Amino acid sequence: MKKMLFVLLAMTFTQIGFTQNNSNQSPDQEEIVSISKKKWNWMSEKIVDSLDQLFHEKSMFIHMGGSWGKSQELNVIKSGGIWYKKAEVYSVSLNIIGNTAILLNDIDLLAVVGGNEVINPFMVTEVYIKEKGKWIMGSLTFSQLRRSVKLTK
């Protein structure tokens, strides 16, 4: 399979790490972590109606094979062009800056791409914006990590 480039994002702020049951989280932090977890399930199950509500109309998606907007991402998921079969999340860190939240997931992603099952280690950057009291996704970026895959099928 052909190797592809990733866009790496530079972060100039301190990351705050969380586990799923961290009682020190604010309500916004708890909500964003919960939304992220649901998003992985919706992507795995190809529940595009829920994803359509989560993704901002101007959202951007950066993958190994290219970058595109909301409509194409939903079409890729619905058609099975990329089937996000299982995301094994090892760590989550989150930073909220005003009405913007930046969440990082260290994952192994088991996916079917072009009919081939692959596992890749990624740092996934999710950017959420709070609009009218609701958190919506503005961007999702997959950056391949140089560590070994941890996931066992």
Protein backbone atom coordinates (compact mmCIF):
# COMPACT_ATOMS: atom_id res chain seq x y z
CA MET A 1 0.00 0.00 0.00
CA LYS A 2 1.22 3.41 -0.95
CA LYS A 3 2.60 5.60 1.86
CA MET A 4 1.05 9.02 2.25
CA LEU A 5 1.91 12.25 4.03
CA PHE A 6 0.30 13.75 7.10
CA VAL A 7 -0.10 17.27 8.19
CA LEU A 8 1.57 17.75 11.58
CA LEU A 9 0.19 20.43 13.84
CA ALA A 10 2.46 22.39 16.15
CA MET A 11 1.01 22.93 19.58
CA THR A 12 2.41 25.81 21.64
CA PHE A 13 0.40 25.31 24.76
CA THR A 14 0.43 22.93 27.65
CA GLN A 15 -1.68 19.81 27.26
CA ILE A 16 -3.76 18.55 30.14
CA GLY A 17 -4.11 14.75 30.25
CA PHE A 18 -7.32 13.06 31.28
CA THR A 19 -8.52 9.56 31.85
CA GLN A 20 -12.14 8.70 31.15
CA ASN A 21 -13.13 8.77 34.83
CA ASN A 22 -11.22 11.85 35.95
CA SER A 23 -13.43 13.63 38.49
CA ASN A 24 -11.39 16.86 38.15
CA GLN A 25 -12.83 17.57 34.71
CA SER A 26 -15.10 20.54 34.16
CA PRO A 27 -18.54 19.88 32.64
CA ASP A 28 -17.24 21.11 29.25
CA GLN A 29 -14.24 18.78 29.45
CA GLU A 30 -16.44 15.82 30.35
CA GLU A 31 -18.80 16.64 27.50
CA ILE A 32 -16.04 16.93 24.89
CA VAL A 33 -14.38 13.66 25.95
CA SER A 34 -17.80 11.98 25.81
CA ILE A 35 -18.52 13.43 22.34
CA SER A 36 -15.14 12.21 21.08
CA LYS A 37 -15.82 8.70 22.35
CA LYS A 38 -19.28 8.68 20.74
CA LYS A 39 -17.76 9.97 17.48
CA TRP A 40 -15.43 6.92 17.26
CA ASN A 41 -18.46 4.65 17.72
CA TRP A 42 -20.50 6.54 15.14
CA MET A 43 -17.62 6.33 12.66
CA SER A 44 -17.21 2.60 13.28
CA GLU A 45 -20.94 1.96 12.91
CA LYS A 46 -21.24 4.38 9.94
CA ILE A 47 -23.93 6.43 11.70
CA VAL A 48 -23.68 9.41 9.36
CA ASP A 49 -26.82 11.18 10.67
CA SER A 50 -25.18 11.70 14.09
CA LEU A 51 -21.86 12.65 12.46
CA ASP A 52 -23.66 15.13 10.19
CA GLN A 53 -24.97 16.92 13.30
CA LEU A 54 -21.55 16.83 14.98
CA PHE A 55 -19.50 18.13 12.03
CA HIS A 56 -19.57 21.90 11.43
CA GLU A 57 -20.58 22.86 7.87
CA LYS A 58 -17.05 24.25 7.30
CA SER A 59 -15.23 21.37 9.04
CA MET A 60 -12.02 19.95 7.55
CA PHE A 61 -10.64 16.40 7.64
CA ILE A 62 -6.96 15.59 7.10
CA HIS A 63 -6.03 11.99 6.28
CA MET A 64 -3.05 10.08 4.93
CA GLY A 65 -4.53 10.26 1.44
CA GLY A 66 -5.75 13.83 1.35
CA SER A 67 -7.90 16.47 2.97
CA TRP A 68 -11.50 17.45 2.38
CA GLY A 69 -14.64 18.93 3.90
CA LYS A 70 -17.73 17.65 5.65
CA SER A 71 -19.68 16.33 2.64
CA GLN A 72 -16.81 14.22 1.36
CA GLU A 73 -16.02 12.87 4.84
CA LEU A 74 -19.62 11.79 5.33
CA ASN A 75 -19.67 10.20 1.85
CA VAL A 76 -16.40 8.35 2.54
CA ILE A 77 -17.84 6.95 5.78
CA LYS A 78 -21.24 6.09 4.30
CA SER A 79 -19.75 4.38 1.22
CA GLY A 80 -17.16 2.48 3.24
CA GLY A 81 -14.28 4.16 1.35
CA ILE A 82 -12.73 4.31 4.81
CA TRP A 83 -14.28 2.09 7.43
CA TYR A 84 -13.08 3.19 10.84
CA LYS A 85 -13.50 -0.34 12.17
CA LYS A 86 -11.98 0.15 15.63
CA ALA A 87 -10.12 2.97 17.35
CA GLU A 88 -8.20 1.72 20.37
CA VAL A 89 -7.66 4.90 22.40
CA TYR A 90 -4.61 4.84 24.70
CA SER A 91 -4.64 8.41 25.95
CA VAL A 92 -6.67 11.58 25.68
CA SER A 93 -5.49 15.12 26.35
CA LEU A 94 -7.61 18.21 26.12
CA ASN A 95 -7.10 21.95 26.19
CA ILE A 96 -9.92 24.48 26.08
CA ILE A 97 -9.13 27.99 24.90
CA GLY A 98 -12.21 30.20 25.03
CA ASN A 99 -14.87 28.58 22.87
CA THR A 100 -12.36 26.24 21.18
CA ALA A 101 -11.36 22.81 22.44
CA ILE A 102 -8.37 20.86 21.13
CA LEU A 103 -8.45 17.17 21.97
CA LEU A 104 -5.62 14.75 21.19
CA ASN A 105 -6.15 10.97 21.02
CA ASP A 106 -3.21 8.54 20.90
CA ILE A 107 -4.80 5.62 19.06
CA ASP A 108 -4.26 2.54 17.01
CA LEU A 109 -6.80 2.61 14.21
CA LEU A 110 -8.00 -0.61 12.66
CA ALA A 111 -9.55 0.45 9.37
CA VAL A 112 -10.53 -0.89 6.00
CA VAL A 113 -9.20 1.37 3.25
CA GLY A 114 -9.72 0.45 -0.40
CA GLY A 115 -10.75 -3.05 0.65
CA ASN A 116 -7.56 -3.64 2.67
CA GLU A 117 -7.55 -3.95 6.46
CA VAL A 118 -4.79 -1.86 8.00
CA ILE A 119 -3.70 -0.84 11.51
CA ASN A 120 -1.91 2.45 12.03
CA PRO A 121 -0.75 4.31 15.14
CA PHE A 122 -2.08 7.88 15.06
CA MET A 123 -2.19 11.02 17.10
CA VAL A 124 -5.62 12.35 16.18
CA THR A 125 -6.28 16.05 16.67
CA GLU A 126 -9.93 16.99 17.10
CA VAL A 127 -10.90 20.65 17.18
CA TYR A 128 -14.29 21.54 18.64
CA ILE A 129 -16.01 24.93 18.65
CA LYS A 130 -18.79 25.87 21.03
CA GLU A 131 -21.59 27.57 19.10
CA LYS A 132 -24.96 28.43 20.64
CA GLY A 133 -24.10 26.35 23.71
CA LYS A 134 -23.25 23.22 21.69
CA TRP A 135 -19.83 21.68 20.93
CA ILE A 136 -19.36 20.88 17.23
CA MET A 137 -16.33 19.53 15.37
CA GLY A 138 -14.32 21.94 13.25
CA SER A 139 -11.43 19.67 12.28
CA LEU A 140 -10.15 16.10 12.51
CA THR A 141 -6.50 15.38 11.66
CA PHE A 142 -4.76 12.00 11.59
CA SER A 143 -0.98 12.22 12.16
CA GLN A 144 0.86 8.92 11.90
CA LEU A 145 3.08 8.12 14.86
CA ARG A 146 6.52 6.53 14.68
CA ARG A 147 5.77 4.00 17.37
CA SER A 148 4.87 0.37 16.95
CA VAL A 149 1.23 -0.61 16.78
CA LYS A 150 -0.04 -1.63 20.24
CA LEU A 151 -3.39 -3.02 19.13
CA THR A 152 -3.85 -6.74 18.86
CA LYS A 153 -6.86 -7.86 16.86
